[in-house]
Amino acid sequence: MARGLFLSLALAGLSAQPAVAQDIAQLSPASQKLADWVVDSADNHQRPFLIVDKTQARVFVFDAHGQLRGAAPALLGLAVGDDSVPGIGERKLSSIRPEERTTPAGRFVASLDRNLHGDEILWVDYDAAISLHRVVTSQPKERRAERLATPTPLDNRISYGCINVPAPFYDNVVSPAFTGTDGIVYVLPETRSAREVFGSYDVGEHPRPQAPGQAAPASVPLYTASQ
């Protein structure tokens, strides 16, 4: 029997709060499969984790036990691609060409810090100068806040590579989740497979080994909404 989120919620009889239930509904199949794998394999090592779905331009935050804490739209690097140009973190923004403005895919150990202006950010890839932070609105012509508010991900590619999220989401979900601890950020690829990037597997096709004489559970909730 499949052990995905929605079936687990139904069998466990969990009643999600409306806001969290809405966030669950926004999980793409790729995000759901990756979250299942993270919890099943314990790849997060009991730390909070965050999934960036570049195709859907959305961010999902989970606690250390795999409970979904919130979701929000995100602005991402202008260019399609899963790798950063070597040495890009040491270059001035003005020298970075449009085709080089990618949000790299991969697994990153992330932690909170302050940028040069004293604002809190979540460092994702320090060497490539990639962070997740409150949406930057200093250039009105870029209409970043408006882009976040549209229902389509087609206008969410605008940054130099950093991940911009709504300020309330950063303050109320991201910052509390990573305060006092580091965590893991998983950025889903858009030009390669998740299996290639993370070494992940489909949990439904990878049952855990059972001890002799031990019956397999009918369904195991891998990650759930908070009650």
N, C-alpha and C. Protein backbone atom coordinates (compact mmCIF):
# COMPACT_ATOMS: atom_id res chain seq x y z
N MET A 1 0.85 -1.19 0.00
CA MET A 1 0.00 0.00 0.00
C MET A 1 0.88 1.24 0.00
N ALA A 2 0.52 2.22 -0.79
CA ALA A 2 1.32 3.44 -0.85
C ALA A 2 1.34 4.12 0.50
N ARG A 3 2.46 4.78 0.79
CA ARG A 3 2.60 5.44 2.09
C ARG A 3 2.73 6.95 1.93
N GLY A 4 2.08 7.52 0.93
CA GLY A 4 2.17 8.95 0.69
C GLY A 4 1.40 9.74 1.72
N LEU A 5 1.54 11.03 1.64
CA LEU A 5 0.98 11.93 2.64
C LEU A 5 -0.53 11.83 2.75
N PHE A 6 -1.24 11.91 1.63
CA PHE A 6 -2.69 12.02 1.71
C PHE A 6 -3.31 10.74 2.25
N LEU A 7 -2.82 9.58 1.83
CA LEU A 7 -3.33 8.33 2.35
C LEU A 7 -3.01 8.20 3.83
N SER A 8 -1.82 8.62 4.23
CA SER A 8 -1.44 8.54 5.63
C SER A 8 -2.34 9.39 6.49
N LEU A 9 -2.66 10.59 6.01
CA LEU A 9 -3.55 11.46 6.77
C LEU A 9 -4.91 10.81 6.97
N ALA A 10 -5.43 10.18 5.91
CA ALA A 10 -6.75 9.58 6.00
C ALA A 10 -6.75 8.40 6.96
N LEU A 11 -5.74 7.53 6.85
CA LEU A 11 -5.71 6.34 7.69
C LEU A 11 -5.42 6.66 9.14
N ALA A 12 -4.62 7.69 9.36
CA ALA A 12 -4.28 8.06 10.73
C ALA A 12 -5.39 8.85 11.40
N GLY A 13 -6.37 9.29 10.60
CA GLY A 13 -7.48 10.05 11.17
C GLY A 13 -7.08 11.43 11.63
N LEU A 14 -6.07 12.01 10.99
CA LEU A 14 -5.60 13.32 11.41
C LEU A 14 -6.48 14.40 10.82
N SER A 15 -6.70 15.44 11.58
CA SER A 15 -7.50 16.57 11.12
C SER A 15 -6.61 17.78 11.02
N ALA A 16 -6.24 18.17 9.79
CA ALA A 16 -5.32 19.29 9.58
C ALA A 16 -6.05 20.61 9.74
N GLN A 17 -5.35 21.59 10.26
CA GLN A 17 -5.89 22.92 10.31
C GLN A 17 -6.07 23.42 8.88
N PRO A 18 -7.08 24.27 8.62
CA PRO A 18 -7.36 24.69 7.25
C PRO A 18 -6.15 25.25 6.52
N ALA A 19 -5.36 26.11 7.19
CA ALA A 19 -4.22 26.72 6.52
C ALA A 19 -3.19 25.67 6.12
N VAL A 20 -2.93 24.71 7.02
CA VAL A 20 -1.96 23.67 6.72
C VAL A 20 -2.49 22.73 5.65
N ALA A 21 -3.78 22.43 5.70
CA ALA A 21 -4.39 21.57 4.68
C ALA A 21 -4.25 22.21 3.31
N GLN A 22 -4.39 23.53 3.24
CA GLN A 22 -4.22 24.23 1.97
C GLN A 22 -2.78 24.12 1.49
N ASP A 23 -1.82 24.22 2.41
CA ASP A 23 -0.42 24.07 2.04
C ASP A 23 -0.14 22.67 1.51
N ILE A 24 -0.73 21.66 2.13
CA ILE A 24 -0.54 20.28 1.70
C ILE A 24 -1.03 20.11 0.27
N ALA A 25 -2.16 20.73 -0.04
CA ALA A 25 -2.74 20.61 -1.37
C ALA A 25 -1.84 21.21 -2.44
N GLN A 26 -0.92 22.09 -2.04
CA GLN A 26 -0.04 22.74 -3.00
C GLN A 26 1.22 21.92 -3.30
N LEU A 27 1.42 20.83 -2.57
CA LEU A 27 2.58 19.99 -2.81
C LEU A 27 2.49 19.34 -4.19
N SER A 28 3.50 19.54 -5.00
CA SER A 28 3.55 18.87 -6.29
C SER A 28 3.96 17.41 -6.06
N PRO A 29 3.71 16.52 -7.02
CA PRO A 29 4.17 15.13 -6.87
C PRO A 29 5.66 15.03 -6.58
N ALA A 30 6.46 15.89 -7.22
CA ALA A 30 7.91 15.84 -7.00
C ALA A 30 8.26 16.23 -5.57
N SER A 31 7.61 17.27 -5.04
CA SER A 31 7.87 17.70 -3.67
C SER A 31 7.41 16.65 -2.67
N GLN A 32 6.25 16.06 -2.93
CA GLN A 32 5.72 15.04 -2.03
C GLN A 32 6.65 13.82 -1.98
N LYS A 33 7.11 13.38 -3.15
CA LYS A 33 8.00 12.22 -3.19
C LYS A 33 9.31 12.50 -2.47
N LEU A 34 9.84 13.72 -2.65
CA LEU A 34 11.10 14.04 -1.99
C LEU A 34 10.92 14.10 -0.48
N ALA A 35 9.82 14.71 -0.01
CA ALA A 35 9.57 14.78 1.43
C ALA A 35 9.41 13.39 2.02
N ASP A 36 8.70 12.51 1.32
CA ASP A 36 8.55 11.12 1.77
C ASP A 36 9.93 10.47 1.93
N TRP A 37 10.78 10.67 0.92
CA TRP A 37 12.12 10.06 0.96
C TRP A 37 12.96 10.63 2.10
N VAL A 38 12.90 11.95 2.30
CA VAL A 38 13.69 12.57 3.37
C VAL A 38 13.36 11.93 4.71
N VAL A 39 12.07 11.78 5.00
CA VAL A 39 11.66 11.22 6.29
C VAL A 39 11.95 9.73 6.35
N ASP A 40 11.66 9.00 5.28
CA ASP A 40 11.87 7.56 5.27
C ASP A 40 13.34 7.20 5.43
N SER A 41 14.22 7.98 4.81
CA SER A 41 15.66 7.70 4.86
C SER A 41 16.37 8.42 6.00
N ALA A 42 15.64 9.33 6.69
CA ALA A 42 16.23 10.16 7.75
C ALA A 42 17.39 10.99 7.21
N ASP A 43 17.27 11.41 5.96
CA ASP A 43 18.35 12.18 5.33
C ASP A 43 18.54 13.54 5.98
N ASN A 44 17.51 14.04 6.67
CA ASN A 44 17.62 15.34 7.34
C ASN A 44 18.32 15.25 8.69
N HIS A 45 18.61 14.04 9.17
CA HIS A 45 19.33 13.83 10.44
C HIS A 45 18.68 14.59 11.60
N GLN A 46 17.35 14.47 11.68
CA GLN A 46 16.57 15.06 12.77
C GLN A 46 16.72 16.58 12.83
N ARG A 47 16.83 17.19 11.68
CA ARG A 47 16.89 18.64 11.60
C ARG A 47 15.74 19.14 10.74
N PRO A 48 15.31 20.39 10.95
CA PRO A 48 14.26 20.93 10.08
C PRO A 48 14.75 20.95 8.64
N PHE A 49 13.80 20.87 7.71
CA PHE A 49 14.21 20.92 6.31
C PHE A 49 13.21 21.72 5.49
N LEU A 50 13.68 22.13 4.35
CA LEU A 50 12.91 23.01 3.47
C LEU A 50 13.09 22.51 2.04
N ILE A 51 12.00 22.45 1.30
CA ILE A 51 12.05 22.04 -0.10
C ILE A 51 11.70 23.22 -0.98
N VAL A 52 12.56 23.49 -1.96
CA VAL A 52 12.30 24.52 -2.96
C VAL A 52 11.93 23.82 -4.26
N ASP A 53 10.70 24.00 -4.69
CA ASP A 53 10.23 23.42 -5.95
C ASP A 53 10.35 24.50 -7.01
N LYS A 54 11.41 24.44 -7.81
CA LYS A 54 11.65 25.51 -8.78
C LYS A 54 10.59 25.52 -9.89
N THR A 55 10.14 24.36 -10.31
CA THR A 55 9.15 24.31 -11.39
C THR A 55 7.85 24.98 -10.98
N GLN A 56 7.45 24.76 -9.73
CA GLN A 56 6.21 25.36 -9.23
C GLN A 56 6.45 26.70 -8.54
N ALA A 57 7.72 27.07 -8.35
CA ALA A 57 8.10 28.32 -7.67
C ALA A 57 7.45 28.40 -6.29
N ARG A 58 7.64 27.33 -5.49
CA ARG A 58 7.08 27.29 -4.15
C ARG A 58 8.10 26.73 -3.17
N VAL A 59 7.94 27.13 -1.91
CA VAL A 59 8.81 26.69 -0.82
C VAL A 59 7.95 26.01 0.24
N PHE A 60 8.43 24.87 0.75
CA PHE A 60 7.73 24.11 1.78
C PHE A 60 8.68 23.91 2.96
N VAL A 61 8.22 24.24 4.16
CA VAL A 61 9.05 24.13 5.37
C VAL A 61 8.50 23.02 6.26
N PHE A 62 9.39 22.13 6.70
CA PHE A 62 9.04 21.00 7.56
C PHE A 62 9.86 21.07 8.84
N ASP A 63 9.30 20.57 9.94
CA ASP A 63 10.10 20.49 11.16
C ASP A 63 10.96 19.24 11.12
N ALA A 64 11.70 18.99 12.19
CA ALA A 64 12.65 17.88 12.22
C ALA A 64 11.97 16.52 12.09
N HIS A 65 10.67 16.46 12.44
CA HIS A 65 9.93 15.20 12.37
C HIS A 65 9.18 15.03 11.06
N GLY A 66 9.32 16.00 10.17
CA GLY A 66 8.66 15.90 8.88
C GLY A 66 7.26 16.47 8.84
N GLN A 67 6.88 17.24 9.85
CA GLN A 67 5.57 17.88 9.84
C GLN A 67 5.64 19.17 9.03
N LEU A 68 4.71 19.33 8.13
CA LEU A 68 4.67 20.52 7.28
C LEU A 68 4.27 21.73 8.12
N ARG A 69 5.11 22.76 8.12
CA ARG A 69 4.86 23.96 8.91
C ARG A 69 4.31 25.11 8.08
N GLY A 70 4.51 25.07 6.78
CA GLY A 70 3.99 26.15 5.96
C GLY A 70 4.54 26.09 4.55
N ALA A 71 3.88 26.82 3.66
CA ALA A 71 4.28 26.88 2.26
C ALA A 71 4.02 28.28 1.73
N ALA A 72 4.77 28.67 0.71
CA ALA A 72 4.61 30.00 0.14
C ALA A 72 5.20 30.03 -1.26
N PRO A 73 4.77 30.98 -2.09
CA PRO A 73 5.40 31.17 -3.39
C PRO A 73 6.80 31.74 -3.21
N ALA A 74 7.63 31.60 -4.23
CA ALA A 74 9.00 32.10 -4.15
C ALA A 74 9.43 32.67 -5.49
N LEU A 75 10.32 33.64 -5.43
CA LEU A 75 10.99 34.15 -6.62
C LEU A 75 12.35 33.48 -6.71
N LEU A 76 12.75 33.14 -7.93
CA LEU A 76 13.96 32.35 -8.13
C LEU A 76 14.86 33.00 -9.18
N GLY A 77 16.00 32.37 -9.41
CA GLY A 77 16.94 32.88 -10.40
C GLY A 77 16.31 33.01 -11.78
N LEU A 78 16.70 34.05 -12.48
CA LEU A 78 16.12 34.35 -13.79
C LEU A 78 16.31 33.22 -14.79
N ALA A 79 17.48 32.59 -14.77
CA ALA A 79 17.82 31.58 -15.78
C ALA A 79 17.43 30.17 -15.33
N VAL A 80 17.01 29.36 -16.28
CA VAL A 80 16.76 27.94 -16.02
C VAL A 80 18.10 27.22 -15.95
N GLY A 81 18.26 26.37 -14.95
CA GLY A 81 19.52 25.63 -14.80
C GLY A 81 19.68 25.17 -13.37
N ASP A 82 20.51 24.15 -13.17
CA ASP A 82 20.68 23.55 -11.85
C ASP A 82 22.08 23.70 -11.27
N ASP A 83 22.93 24.46 -11.94
CA ASP A 83 24.30 24.64 -11.47
C ASP A 83 24.65 26.12 -11.41
N SER A 84 25.55 26.46 -10.48
CA SER A 84 26.06 27.82 -10.41
C SER A 84 27.36 27.92 -11.20
N VAL A 85 27.58 29.06 -11.79
CA VAL A 85 28.83 29.31 -12.50
C VAL A 85 29.96 29.34 -11.48
N PRO A 86 31.06 28.63 -11.71
CA PRO A 86 32.17 28.64 -10.76
C PRO A 86 32.63 30.06 -10.43
N GLY A 87 32.80 30.33 -9.15
CA GLY A 87 33.29 31.62 -8.71
C GLY A 87 32.27 32.74 -8.70
N ILE A 88 31.00 32.42 -8.96
CA ILE A 88 30.00 33.48 -9.09
C ILE A 88 29.76 34.21 -7.77
N GLY A 89 30.00 33.54 -6.65
CA GLY A 89 29.78 34.17 -5.36
C GLY A 89 30.76 35.28 -5.04
N GLU A 90 31.85 35.37 -5.80
CA GLU A 90 32.86 36.41 -5.57
C GLU A 90 32.73 37.57 -6.55
N ARG A 91 31.75 37.51 -7.43
CA ARG A 91 31.60 38.54 -8.45
C ARG A 91 30.58 39.59 -8.05
N LYS A 92 30.72 40.79 -8.62
CA LYS A 92 29.73 41.84 -8.41
C LYS A 92 28.46 41.48 -9.17
N LEU A 93 27.32 41.88 -8.61
CA LEU A 93 26.05 41.58 -9.27
C LEU A 93 26.00 42.13 -10.69
N SER A 94 26.59 43.30 -10.87
CA SER A 94 26.54 43.95 -12.18
C SER A 94 27.27 43.16 -13.26
N SER A 95 28.14 42.23 -12.84
CA SER A 95 28.91 41.45 -13.82
C SER A 95 28.26 40.11 -14.15
N ILE A 96 27.17 39.79 -13.47
CA ILE A 96 26.52 38.49 -13.67
C ILE A 96 25.52 38.59 -14.82
N ARG A 97 25.77 37.85 -15.88
CA ARG A 97 24.92 37.91 -17.07
C ARG A 97 23.58 37.20 -16.81
N PRO A 98 22.54 37.56 -17.54
CA PRO A 98 21.22 36.95 -17.33
C PRO A 98 21.24 35.43 -17.35
N GLU A 99 21.99 34.84 -18.28
CA GLU A 99 22.02 33.38 -18.39
C GLU A 99 22.77 32.71 -17.25
N GLU A 100 23.46 33.50 -16.42
CA GLU A 100 24.19 32.96 -15.28
C GLU A 100 23.40 33.03 -13.97
N ARG A 101 22.23 33.61 -14.02
CA ARG A 101 21.45 33.86 -12.80
C ARG A 101 20.56 32.66 -12.47
N THR A 102 21.20 31.59 -12.03
CA THR A 102 20.49 30.35 -11.72
C THR A 102 20.36 30.15 -10.21
N THR A 103 19.34 29.41 -9.83
CA THR A 103 19.21 28.92 -8.46
C THR A 103 19.66 27.46 -8.49
N PRO A 104 20.81 27.14 -7.90
CA PRO A 104 21.35 25.79 -8.03
C PRO A 104 20.50 24.75 -7.31
N ALA A 105 20.41 23.57 -7.91
CA ALA A 105 19.73 22.45 -7.28
C ALA A 105 20.70 21.71 -6.38
N GLY A 106 20.14 20.99 -5.39
CA GLY A 106 21.00 20.19 -4.53
C GLY A 106 20.55 20.17 -3.09
N ARG A 107 21.35 19.51 -2.28
CA ARG A 107 21.12 19.41 -0.83
C ARG A 107 22.13 20.32 -0.13
N PHE A 108 21.63 21.24 0.67
CA PHE A 108 22.49 22.23 1.31
C PHE A 108 22.23 22.27 2.82
N VAL A 109 23.29 22.31 3.60
CA VAL A 109 23.16 22.55 5.04
C VAL A 109 23.02 24.06 5.22
N ALA A 110 21.89 24.48 5.78
CA ALA A 110 21.55 25.90 5.84
C ALA A 110 21.45 26.39 7.28
N SER A 111 21.76 27.67 7.46
CA SER A 111 21.66 28.28 8.79
C SER A 111 21.38 29.77 8.66
N LEU A 112 20.81 30.33 9.71
CA LEU A 112 20.49 31.75 9.73
C LEU A 112 21.75 32.58 9.95
N ASP A 113 21.76 33.77 9.36
CA ASP A 113 22.89 34.69 9.51
C ASP A 113 22.39 36.09 9.18
N ARG A 114 23.29 37.04 9.13
CA ARG A 114 22.96 38.42 8.76
C ARG A 114 23.71 38.81 7.50
N ASN A 115 23.04 39.56 6.62
CA ASN A 115 23.74 40.05 5.44
C ASN A 115 24.46 41.35 5.77
N LEU A 116 25.05 41.97 4.77
CA LEU A 116 25.84 43.18 5.00
C LEU A 116 25.00 44.34 5.51
N HIS A 117 23.69 44.28 5.30
CA HIS A 117 22.79 45.34 5.77
C HIS A 117 22.23 45.04 7.16
N GLY A 118 22.61 43.90 7.73
CA GLY A 118 22.13 43.54 9.05
C GLY A 118 20.82 42.80 9.06
N ASP A 119 20.30 42.45 7.88
CA ASP A 119 19.03 41.74 7.80
C ASP A 119 19.27 40.23 7.92
N GLU A 120 18.38 39.56 8.63
CA GLU A 120 18.51 38.11 8.76
C GLU A 120 18.20 37.42 7.44
N ILE A 121 19.00 36.41 7.12
CA ILE A 121 18.81 35.59 5.92
C ILE A 121 19.07 34.14 6.28
N LEU A 122 18.65 33.24 5.42
CA LEU A 122 18.98 31.82 5.57
C LEU A 122 20.00 31.49 4.48
N TRP A 123 21.25 31.25 4.90
CA TRP A 123 22.28 30.90 3.93
C TRP A 123 22.00 29.50 3.38
N VAL A 124 21.97 29.38 2.07
CA VAL A 124 21.75 28.10 1.41
C VAL A 124 23.08 27.58 0.84
N ASP A 125 23.71 28.38 0.00
CA ASP A 125 25.01 28.03 -0.59
C ASP A 125 25.91 29.24 -0.44
N TYR A 126 26.71 29.26 0.61
CA TYR A 126 27.52 30.43 0.93
C TYR A 126 28.52 30.75 -0.18
N ASP A 127 29.18 29.72 -0.72
CA ASP A 127 30.21 29.94 -1.74
C ASP A 127 29.62 30.57 -3.01
N ALA A 128 28.39 30.22 -3.33
CA ALA A 128 27.74 30.78 -4.53
C ALA A 128 26.90 32.01 -4.19
N ALA A 129 26.94 32.44 -2.92
CA ALA A 129 26.19 33.62 -2.46
C ALA A 129 24.68 33.45 -2.68
N ILE A 130 24.18 32.24 -2.42
CA ILE A 130 22.75 31.96 -2.56
C ILE A 130 22.12 31.88 -1.17
N SER A 131 21.10 32.69 -0.95
CA SER A 131 20.40 32.65 0.33
C SER A 131 18.90 32.71 0.08
N LEU A 132 18.14 32.38 1.11
CA LEU A 132 16.69 32.54 1.10
C LEU A 132 16.38 33.69 2.05
N HIS A 133 15.60 34.65 1.58
CA HIS A 133 15.35 35.84 2.40
C HIS A 133 14.00 36.47 2.06
N ARG A 134 13.64 37.47 2.84
CA ARG A 134 12.42 38.23 2.56
C ARG A 134 12.53 38.85 1.18
N VAL A 135 11.40 38.99 0.51
CA VAL A 135 11.41 39.53 -0.84
C VAL A 135 12.02 40.93 -0.85
N VAL A 136 12.90 41.16 -1.82
CA VAL A 136 13.56 42.46 -1.98
C VAL A 136 12.69 43.33 -2.89
N THR A 137 12.32 44.52 -2.41
CA THR A 137 11.43 45.39 -3.18
C THR A 137 12.07 46.75 -3.46
N SER A 138 13.41 46.80 -3.43
CA SER A 138 14.10 48.07 -3.62
C SER A 138 14.09 48.56 -5.06
N GLN A 139 13.75 47.67 -6.01
CA GLN A 139 13.66 48.05 -7.42
C GLN A 139 12.20 47.91 -7.87
N PRO A 140 11.41 48.99 -7.75
CA PRO A 140 9.98 48.90 -8.06
C PRO A 140 9.68 48.35 -9.45
N LYS A 141 10.54 48.64 -10.42
CA LYS A 141 10.27 48.19 -11.79
C LYS A 141 10.28 46.67 -11.91
N GLU A 142 10.91 45.98 -10.95
CA GLU A 142 10.93 44.51 -11.00
C GLU A 142 9.62 43.90 -10.51
N ARG A 143 8.83 44.66 -9.78
CA ARG A 143 7.51 44.22 -9.32
C ARG A 143 7.58 42.86 -8.61
N ARG A 144 8.53 42.73 -7.71
CA ARG A 144 8.73 41.43 -7.07
C ARG A 144 7.55 41.02 -6.19
N ALA A 145 7.03 41.95 -5.40
CA ALA A 145 5.89 41.61 -4.55
C ALA A 145 4.69 41.22 -5.39
N GLU A 146 4.48 41.92 -6.50
CA GLU A 146 3.36 41.60 -7.38
C GLU A 146 3.55 40.23 -8.03
N ARG A 147 4.77 39.89 -8.37
CA ARG A 147 5.05 38.58 -8.97
C ARG A 147 4.72 37.45 -7.98
N LEU A 148 5.04 37.67 -6.71
CA LEU A 148 4.73 36.66 -5.70
C LEU A 148 3.22 36.47 -5.55
N ALA A 149 2.47 37.52 -5.79
CA ALA A 149 1.03 37.47 -5.56
C ALA A 149 0.24 36.84 -6.70
N THR A 150 0.85 36.67 -7.87
CA THR A 150 0.12 36.08 -8.98
C THR A 150 -0.01 34.57 -8.79
N PRO A 151 -1.06 33.95 -9.33
CA PRO A 151 -1.26 32.50 -9.13
C PRO A 151 -0.38 31.62 -10.00
N THR A 152 0.34 32.20 -10.95
CA THR A 152 1.16 31.41 -11.87
C THR A 152 2.64 31.50 -11.51
N PRO A 153 3.40 30.42 -11.72
CA PRO A 153 4.85 30.47 -11.48
C PRO A 153 5.63 31.05 -12.66
N LEU A 154 4.93 31.39 -13.73
CA LEU A 154 5.61 31.80 -14.96
C LEU A 154 6.33 33.14 -14.84
N ASP A 155 5.94 33.97 -13.86
CA ASP A 155 6.59 35.28 -13.71
C ASP A 155 7.45 35.35 -12.45
N ASN A 156 7.84 34.19 -11.92
CA ASN A 156 8.59 34.17 -10.66
C ASN A 156 10.10 34.06 -10.86
N ARG A 157 10.56 34.13 -12.10
CA ARG A 157 12.00 34.06 -12.36
C ARG A 157 12.52 35.48 -12.57
N ILE A 158 13.19 36.03 -11.56
CA ILE A 158 13.61 37.43 -11.63
C ILE A 158 14.91 37.69 -10.88
N SER A 159 15.29 36.85 -9.92
CA SER A 159 16.43 37.16 -9.06
C SER A 159 17.76 36.76 -9.70
N TYR A 160 18.85 37.09 -9.00
CA TYR A 160 20.18 36.70 -9.45
C TYR A 160 20.49 35.25 -9.05
N GLY A 161 19.58 34.62 -8.35
CA GLY A 161 19.77 33.24 -7.91
C GLY A 161 19.22 33.00 -6.52
N CYS A 162 19.12 34.06 -5.73
CA CYS A 162 18.59 33.92 -4.37
C CYS A 162 17.09 33.60 -4.41
N ILE A 163 16.62 33.05 -3.30
CA ILE A 163 15.22 32.64 -3.17
C ILE A 163 14.50 33.70 -2.33
N ASN A 164 13.57 34.41 -2.95
CA ASN A 164 12.80 35.46 -2.27
C ASN A 164 11.44 34.91 -1.87
N VAL A 165 11.04 35.12 -0.62
CA VAL A 165 9.73 34.67 -0.15
C VAL A 165 9.02 35.84 0.52
N PRO A 166 7.69 35.76 0.67
CA PRO A 166 6.97 36.85 1.35
C PRO A 166 7.52 37.08 2.76
N ALA A 167 7.61 38.33 3.16
CA ALA A 167 8.17 38.66 4.47
C ALA A 167 7.44 37.98 5.62
N PRO A 168 6.09 37.97 5.64
CA PRO A 168 5.41 37.29 6.75
C PRO A 168 5.74 35.80 6.82
N PHE A 169 5.89 35.16 5.68
CA PHE A 169 6.24 33.74 5.66
C PHE A 169 7.64 33.54 6.22
N TYR A 170 8.57 34.40 5.85
CA TYR A 170 9.92 34.29 6.39
C TYR A 170 9.90 34.47 7.91
N ASP A 171 9.21 35.52 8.37
CA ASP A 171 9.21 35.85 9.79
C ASP A 171 8.49 34.81 10.64
N ASN A 172 7.39 34.25 10.12
CA ASN A 172 6.54 33.38 10.92
C ASN A 172 6.80 31.89 10.74
N VAL A 173 7.47 31.52 9.65
CA VAL A 173 7.69 30.10 9.38
C VAL A 173 9.17 29.76 9.25
N VAL A 174 9.87 30.42 8.32
CA VAL A 174 11.27 30.08 8.06
C VAL A 174 12.16 30.38 9.26
N SER A 175 12.11 31.60 9.75
CA SER A 175 13.00 31.99 10.84
C SER A 175 12.79 31.15 12.10
N PRO A 176 11.55 30.95 12.57
CA PRO A 176 11.37 30.10 13.75
C PRO A 176 11.86 28.66 13.54
N ALA A 177 11.67 28.14 12.33
CA ALA A 177 12.06 26.75 12.07
C ALA A 177 13.57 26.55 12.17
N PHE A 178 14.35 27.57 11.79
CA PHE A 178 15.80 27.43 11.76
C PHE A 178 16.51 28.17 12.89
N THR A 179 15.75 28.76 13.81
CA THR A 179 16.37 29.45 14.94
C THR A 179 16.98 28.44 15.91
N GLY A 180 18.24 28.65 16.25
CA GLY A 180 18.93 27.79 17.20
C GLY A 180 19.43 26.48 16.64
N THR A 181 19.31 26.29 15.34
CA THR A 181 19.75 25.04 14.73
C THR A 181 20.03 25.27 13.25
N ASP A 182 20.87 24.43 12.68
CA ASP A 182 20.96 24.45 11.23
C ASP A 182 19.93 23.45 10.70
N GLY A 183 19.78 23.40 9.40
CA GLY A 183 18.80 22.51 8.79
C GLY A 183 19.23 22.19 7.38
N ILE A 184 18.35 21.54 6.65
CA ILE A 184 18.67 21.12 5.29
C ILE A 184 17.72 21.80 4.31
N VAL A 185 18.28 22.34 3.25
CA VAL A 185 17.48 22.88 2.16
C VAL A 185 17.69 21.99 0.94
N TYR A 186 16.58 21.50 0.42
CA TYR A 186 16.60 20.68 -0.79
C TYR A 186 16.01 21.52 -1.93
N VAL A 187 16.82 21.81 -2.93
CA VAL A 187 16.34 22.55 -4.10
C VAL A 187 16.15 21.54 -5.22
N LEU A 188 14.90 21.33 -5.60
CA LEU A 188 14.59 20.35 -6.64
C LEU A 188 15.17 20.80 -7.99
N PRO A 189 15.71 19.87 -8.75
CA PRO A 189 16.27 20.23 -10.06
C PRO A 189 15.17 20.45 -11.10
N GLU A 190 15.54 21.13 -12.17
CA GLU A 190 14.61 21.33 -13.28
C GLU A 190 15.16 20.82 -14.60
N THR A 191 16.43 20.41 -14.62
CA THR A 191 17.01 19.85 -15.84
C THR A 191 17.52 18.43 -15.64
N ARG A 192 17.48 17.94 -14.41
CA ARG A 192 17.88 16.58 -14.09
C ARG A 192 16.83 15.95 -13.19
N SER A 193 16.98 14.68 -12.88
CA SER A 193 16.02 14.01 -12.01
C SER A 193 16.43 14.17 -10.55
N ALA A 194 15.44 14.06 -9.66
CA ALA A 194 15.73 14.13 -8.23
C ALA A 194 16.62 12.96 -7.81
N ARG A 195 16.41 11.81 -8.41
CA ARG A 195 17.24 10.64 -8.08
C ARG A 195 18.71 10.91 -8.40
N GLU A 196 18.95 11.59 -9.52
CA GLU A 196 20.32 11.90 -9.91
C GLU A 196 20.96 12.90 -8.96
N VAL A 197 20.19 13.88 -8.51
CA VAL A 197 20.74 14.94 -7.66
C VAL A 197 20.87 14.50 -6.21
N PHE A 198 19.86 13.80 -5.67
CA PHE A 198 19.83 13.47 -4.25
C PHE A 198 20.12 12.01 -3.94
N GLY A 199 20.07 11.14 -4.95
CA GLY A 199 20.16 9.72 -4.68
C GLY A 199 18.90 9.21 -4.00
N SER A 200 17.78 9.88 -4.25
CA SER A 200 16.52 9.54 -3.60
C SER A 200 15.86 8.35 -4.28
N TYR A 201 14.81 7.85 -3.64
CA TYR A 201 14.05 6.72 -4.18
C TYR A 201 12.57 6.94 -3.92
N ASP A 202 11.75 6.21 -4.63
CA ASP A 202 10.31 6.25 -4.44
C ASP A 202 9.97 5.38 -3.25
N VAL A 203 9.49 5.99 -2.18
CA VAL A 203 9.24 5.26 -0.93
C VAL A 203 8.27 4.10 -1.15
N GLY A 204 7.28 4.28 -1.99
CA GLY A 204 6.31 3.21 -2.23
C GLY A 204 6.92 1.99 -2.89
N GLU A 205 8.08 2.15 -3.52
CA GLU A 205 8.76 1.04 -4.18
C GLU A 205 10.00 0.59 -3.42
N HIS A 206 10.16 1.09 -2.19
CA HIS A 206 11.37 0.80 -1.41
C HIS A 206 10.97 0.49 0.02
N PRO A 207 10.27 -0.64 0.26
CA PRO A 207 9.81 -0.95 1.62
C PRO A 207 10.97 -1.19 2.58
N ARG A 208 10.77 -0.78 3.82
CA ARG A 208 11.78 -1.03 4.84
C ARG A 208 11.87 -2.52 5.14
N PRO A 209 13.07 -3.04 5.40
CA PRO A 209 13.19 -4.47 5.73
C PRO A 209 12.51 -4.78 7.05
N GLN A 210 11.84 -5.93 7.13
CA GLN A 210 11.14 -6.34 8.34
C GLN A 210 11.90 -7.46 9.03
N ALA A 211 11.88 -7.44 10.35
CA ALA A 211 12.49 -8.52 11.11
C ALA A 211 11.69 -9.80 10.90
N PRO A 212 12.32 -10.98 11.01
CA PRO A 212 11.60 -12.24 10.83
C PRO A 212 10.38 -12.32 11.74
N GLY A 213 9.24 -12.65 11.14
CA GLY A 213 8.02 -12.79 11.91
C GLY A 213 7.31 -11.49 12.21
N GLN A 214 7.89 -10.35 11.78
CA GLN A 214 7.27 -9.05 12.04
C GLN A 214 6.41 -8.66 10.86
N ALA A 215 5.17 -8.32 11.13
CA ALA A 215 4.25 -7.92 10.07
C ALA A 215 4.49 -6.48 9.68
N ALA A 216 4.41 -6.20 8.40
CA ALA A 216 4.58 -4.82 7.93
C ALA A 216 3.35 -4.01 8.30
N PRO A 217 3.52 -2.76 8.71
CA PRO A 217 2.36 -1.92 9.04
C PRO A 217 1.54 -1.63 7.80
N ALA A 218 0.23 -1.45 7.99
CA ALA A 218 -0.65 -1.18 6.85
C ALA A 218 -0.30 0.13 6.19
N SER A 219 0.03 1.12 7.00
CA SER A 219 0.42 2.42 6.46
C SER A 219 1.15 3.18 7.53
N VAL A 220 2.23 3.82 7.16
CA VAL A 220 3.02 4.58 8.12
C VAL A 220 3.02 6.04 7.70
N PRO A 221 2.51 6.96 8.52
CA PRO A 221 2.54 8.38 8.15
C PRO A 221 3.98 8.86 8.11
N LEU A 222 4.46 9.23 6.95
CA LEU A 222 5.84 9.68 6.83
C LEU A 222 5.99 11.12 7.24
N TYR A 223 5.04 11.96 6.86
CA TYR A 223 5.05 13.33 7.34
C TYR A 223 3.62 13.80 7.36
N THR A 224 3.27 14.56 8.36
CA THR A 224 1.88 14.88 8.59
C THR A 224 1.71 16.35 8.91
N ALA A 225 0.49 16.79 8.81
CA ALA A 225 0.17 18.15 9.22
C ALA A 225 0.02 18.18 10.73
N SER A 226 0.41 19.29 11.34
CA SER A 226 0.26 19.43 12.78
C SER A 226 -1.22 19.50 13.14
N GLN A 227 -1.57 18.94 14.26
CA GLN A 227 -2.96 19.00 14.69
C GLN A 227 -3.20 20.24 15.54
